[in-house]
C-alpha atoms as a PDB file:
ATOM      1  CA  MET A   1      -0.025   0.031  -0.019  1.00  0.00           C
ATOM      2  CA  THR A   2       2.937   2.340   0.370  1.00  0.00           C
ATOM      3  CA  THR A   3       2.967   3.728  -3.222  1.00  0.00           C
ATOM      4  CA  GLU A   4      -0.741   3.684  -4.005  1.00  0.00           C
ATOM      5  CA  THR A   5      -2.702   6.875  -3.980  1.00  0.00           C
ATOM      6  CA  THR A   6      -6.239   5.434  -3.506  1.00  0.00           C
ATOM      7  CA  ALA A   7      -7.525   2.752  -1.238  1.00  0.00           C
ATOM      8  CA  TRP A   8     -10.717   1.311   0.233  1.00  0.00           C
ATOM      9  CA  ILE A   9     -11.001   0.845   3.891  1.00  0.00           C
ATOM     10  CA  HIS A  10     -13.843  -0.256   6.348  1.00  0.00           C
ATOM     11  CA  LYS A  11     -15.213   2.607   8.427  1.00  0.00           C
ATOM     12  CA  THR A  12     -18.690   3.873   8.794  1.00  0.00           C
ATOM     13  CA  THR A  13     -18.219   7.009  10.884  1.00  0.00           C
ATOM     14  CA  LEU A  14     -16.242   9.086   8.391  1.00  0.00           C
ATOM     15  CA  MET A  15     -17.526  11.829   6.172  1.00  0.00           C
ATOM     16  CA  ILE A  16     -16.659  12.803   2.625  1.00  0.00           C
ATOM     17  CA  GLY A  17     -13.882  15.339   2.648  1.00  0.00           C
ATOM     18  CA  GLN A  18     -12.617  14.339   6.065  1.00  0.00           C
ATOM     19  CA  ALA A  19      -8.832  13.950   6.273  1.00  0.00           C
ATOM     20  CA  GLY A  20      -6.595  12.240   8.693  1.00  0.00           C
ATOM     21  CA  PHE A  21      -3.573  10.090   9.321  1.00  0.00           C
ATOM     22  CA  LEU A  22      -3.778   6.544   7.816  1.00  0.00           C
ATOM     23  CA  ALA A  23      -2.551   3.868  10.304  1.00  0.00           C
ATOM     24  CA  GLU A  24      -1.917   0.347   9.101  1.00  0.00           C
ATOM     25  CA  ILE A  25      -2.226  -2.177  11.972  1.00  0.00           C
ATOM     26  CA  VAL A  26      -0.815  -5.646  11.323  1.00  0.00           C
ATOM     27  CA  SER A  27      -1.460  -8.587  13.613  1.00  0.00           C
ATOM     28  CA  GLY A  28      -0.272 -11.866  12.171  1.00  0.00           C
ATOM     29  CA  SER A  29      -1.888 -12.167   8.875  1.00  0.00           C
ATOM     30  CA  VAL A  30      -4.663  -9.619   9.556  1.00  0.00           C
ATOM     31  CA  ILE A  31      -4.163  -6.133   8.262  1.00  0.00           C
ATOM     32  CA  ARG A  32      -6.515  -3.243   9.150  1.00  0.00           C
ATOM     33  CA  HIS A  33      -6.448   0.408   8.232  1.00  0.00           C
ATOM     34  CA  ARG A  34      -7.742   3.314  10.316  1.00  0.00           C
ATOM     35  CA  LEU A  35      -7.982   6.997   9.343  1.00  0.00           C
ATOM     36  CA  ARG A  36      -7.403   8.968  12.571  1.00  0.00           C
ATOM     37  CA  ASP A  37      -7.021  12.479  13.791  1.00  0.00           C
ATOM     38  CA  HIS A  38      -3.535  11.778  15.192  1.00  0.00           C
ATOM     39  CA  PRO A  39      -0.587  10.014  13.698  1.00  0.00           C
ATOM     40  CA  PRO A  40       0.670   6.686  14.863  1.00  0.00           C
ATOM     41  CA  THR A  41       3.447   6.968  17.428  1.00  0.00           C
ATOM     42  CA  GLU A  42       6.730   5.071  17.728  1.00  0.00           C
ATOM     43  CA  TYR A  43       6.594   2.329  20.327  1.00  0.00           C
ATOM     44  CA  GLY A  44       8.524   3.321  23.555  1.00  0.00           C
ATOM     45  CA  THR A  45       9.164   6.954  22.562  1.00  0.00           C
ATOM     46  CA  TYR A  46       5.635   7.899  21.630  1.00  0.00           C
ATOM     47  CA  LYS A  47       7.100  10.250  18.954  1.00  0.00           C
ATOM     48  CA  PRO A  48       4.563  10.981  16.141  1.00  0.00           C
ATOM     49  CA  ARG A  49       5.477   8.975  13.035  1.00  0.00           C
ATOM     50  CA  PRO A  50       3.103   9.799  10.191  1.00  0.00           C
ATOM     51  CA  VAL A  51       5.024   7.687   7.668  1.00  0.00           C
ATOM     52  CA  GLY A  52       6.899   4.365   8.324  1.00  0.00           C
ATOM     53  CA  SER A  53       6.998   1.572  10.907  1.00  0.00           C
ATOM     54  CA  CYS A  54       6.345   2.568  14.560  1.00  0.00           C
ATOM     55  CA  GLY A  55       7.484  -0.771  15.845  1.00  0.00           C
ATOM     56  CA  THR A  56       5.811  -3.980  17.191  1.00  0.00           C
ATOM     57  CA  HIS A  57       4.360  -4.553  20.622  1.00  0.00           C
ATOM     58  CA  ASN A  58       2.662  -7.836  21.636  1.00  0.00           C
ATOM     59  CA  GLY A  59       2.757  -9.028  18.038  1.00  0.00           C
ATOM     60  CA  VAL A  60       0.963  -5.992  16.613  1.00  0.00           C
ATOM     61  CA  THR A  61       2.735  -3.641  14.241  1.00  0.00           C
ATOM     62  CA  HIS A  62       1.688  -0.095  13.558  1.00  0.00           C
ATOM     63  CA  ILE A  63       2.769   1.599  10.398  1.00  0.00           C
ATOM     64  CA  GLY A  64       2.100   5.198   9.394  1.00  0.00           C
ATOM     65  CA  ARG A  65       0.915   5.660   5.761  1.00  0.00           C
ATOM     66  CA  GLY A  66       0.676   9.454   5.563  1.00  0.00           C
ATOM     67  CA  VAL A  67      -2.296  11.820   5.255  1.00  0.00           C
ATOM     68  CA  TRP A  68      -5.364  10.727   3.342  1.00  0.00           C
ATOM     69  CA  ARG A  69      -8.778  12.240   2.557  1.00  0.00           C
ATOM     70  CA  VAL A  70     -12.179  10.525   2.272  1.00  0.00           C
ATOM     71  CA  GLN A  71     -13.354  10.670  -1.403  1.00  0.00           C
ATOM     72  CA  THR A  72     -16.324   8.273  -1.525  1.00  0.00           C
ATOM     73  CA  ILE A  73     -18.513   6.334   0.899  1.00  0.00           C
ATOM     74  CA  ALA A  74     -20.128   3.213  -0.397  1.00  0.00           C
ATOM     75  CA  ARG A  75     -23.635   2.080   0.543  1.00  0.00           C
ATOM     76  CA  ASN A  76     -22.125  -0.784   2.529  1.00  0.00           C
ATOM     77  CA  GLY A  77     -19.925   1.591   4.584  1.00  0.00           C
ATOM     78  CA  ARG A  78     -16.668   1.019   2.808  1.00  0.00           C
ATOM     79  CA  VAL A  79     -14.664   4.193   2.302  1.00  0.00           C
ATOM     80  CA  GLU A  80     -12.547   5.172  -0.571  1.00  0.00           C
ATOM     81  CA  ILE A  81      -9.642   7.348   0.522  1.00  0.00           C
ATOM     82  CA  VAL A  82      -7.080   9.346  -1.556  1.00  0.00           C
ATOM     83  CA  LYS A  83      -3.580  10.242  -0.396  1.00  0.00           C
ATOM     84  CA  VAL A  84      -3.007  13.968   0.078  1.00  0.00           C
ATOM     85  CA  THR A  85      -0.007  14.714  -2.122  1.00  0.00           C
ATOM     86  CA  ASP A  86      -0.450  18.470  -2.808  1.00  0.00           C
ATOM     87  CA  HIS A  87       1.895  20.645  -0.638  1.00  0.00           C
ATOM     88  CA  SER A  88      -0.691  23.367   0.130  1.00  0.00           C
ATOM     89  CA  GLU A  89      -3.501  20.923   0.870  1.00  0.00           C
ATOM     90  CA  LEU A  90      -1.165  18.861   3.089  1.00  0.00           C
ATOM     91  CA  LYS A  91      -0.068  21.947   5.079  1.00  0.00           C
ATOM     92  CA  LYS A  92      -3.738  22.996   5.505  1.00  0.00           C
ATOM     93  CA  VAL A  93      -4.759  19.547   6.734  1.00  0.00           C
ATOM     94  CA  LEU A  94      -1.860  19.288   9.184  1.00  0.00           C
ATOM     95  CA  GLU A  95      -2.719  22.743  10.603  1.00  0.00           C
ATOM     96  CA  GLU A  96      -6.391  21.593  11.025  1.00  0.00           C
ATOM     97  CA  LEU A  97      -5.309  18.466  12.881  1.00  0.00           C
ATOM     98  CA  GLY A  98      -2.772  20.327  15.040  1.00  0.00           C
ATOM     99  CA  TYR A  99       0.360  18.743  13.573  1.00  0.00           C
ATOM    100  CA  PRO A 100       1.914  21.485  11.346  1.00  0.00           C
ATOM    101  CA  ASP A 101       5.406  20.346  12.512  1.00  0.00           C
ATOM    102  CA  LEU A 102       5.039  17.063  10.679  1.00  0.00           C
ATOM    103  CA  LEU A 103       4.980  18.720   7.213  1.00  0.00           C
ATOM    104  CA  ASP A 104       8.676  18.119   6.427  1.00  0.00           C
ATOM    105  CA  ASP A 105       8.452  14.415   7.283  1.00  0.00           C
ATOM    106  CA  LEU A 106       5.463  13.997   4.960  1.00  0.00           C
ATOM    107  CA  LEU A 107       7.026  16.009   2.106  1.00  0.00           C
ATOM    108  CA  TYR A 108      10.251  13.961   2.415  1.00  0.00           C
ATOM    109  CA  ASP A 109       8.139  10.802   2.006  1.00  0.00           C
ATOM    110  CA  LEU A 110       6.345  12.185  -0.997  1.00  0.00           C
ATOM    111  CA  ILE A 111       9.581  13.156  -2.676  1.00  0.00           C
ATOM    112  CA  GLY A 112      10.971   9.681  -2.067  1.00  0.00           C
ATOM    113  CA  GLN A 113       7.974   8.101  -3.691  1.00  0.00           C
ATOM    114  CA  ALA A 114       8.358  10.253  -6.738  1.00  0.00           C
ATOM    115  CA  GLU A 115      11.851   9.127  -7.497  1.00  0.00           C
END
């Protein structure tokens, strides 16, 4: 999922246009995705990590996948999300969520994906 720009996740309480940090949670062979108002944090240090592995605790791995926005909500509750890649939109979303200091981390990730 790291280089994709659209994805479908299960979530019924989101609204079209809502943006947040996408967390991938891996437990054994089960992978879940959650769009949250706060970024995943590194295990042990609790440092916000919007992109990359946050470590594993009790067999559960958390991975930050960047900032995404809800594009479509299907009738069955599945949600289509789109990765926020535009610099000005990303800056605006981070300010709305209270994490403007994470802009450089996210831009660095986007530049790396473009190469």
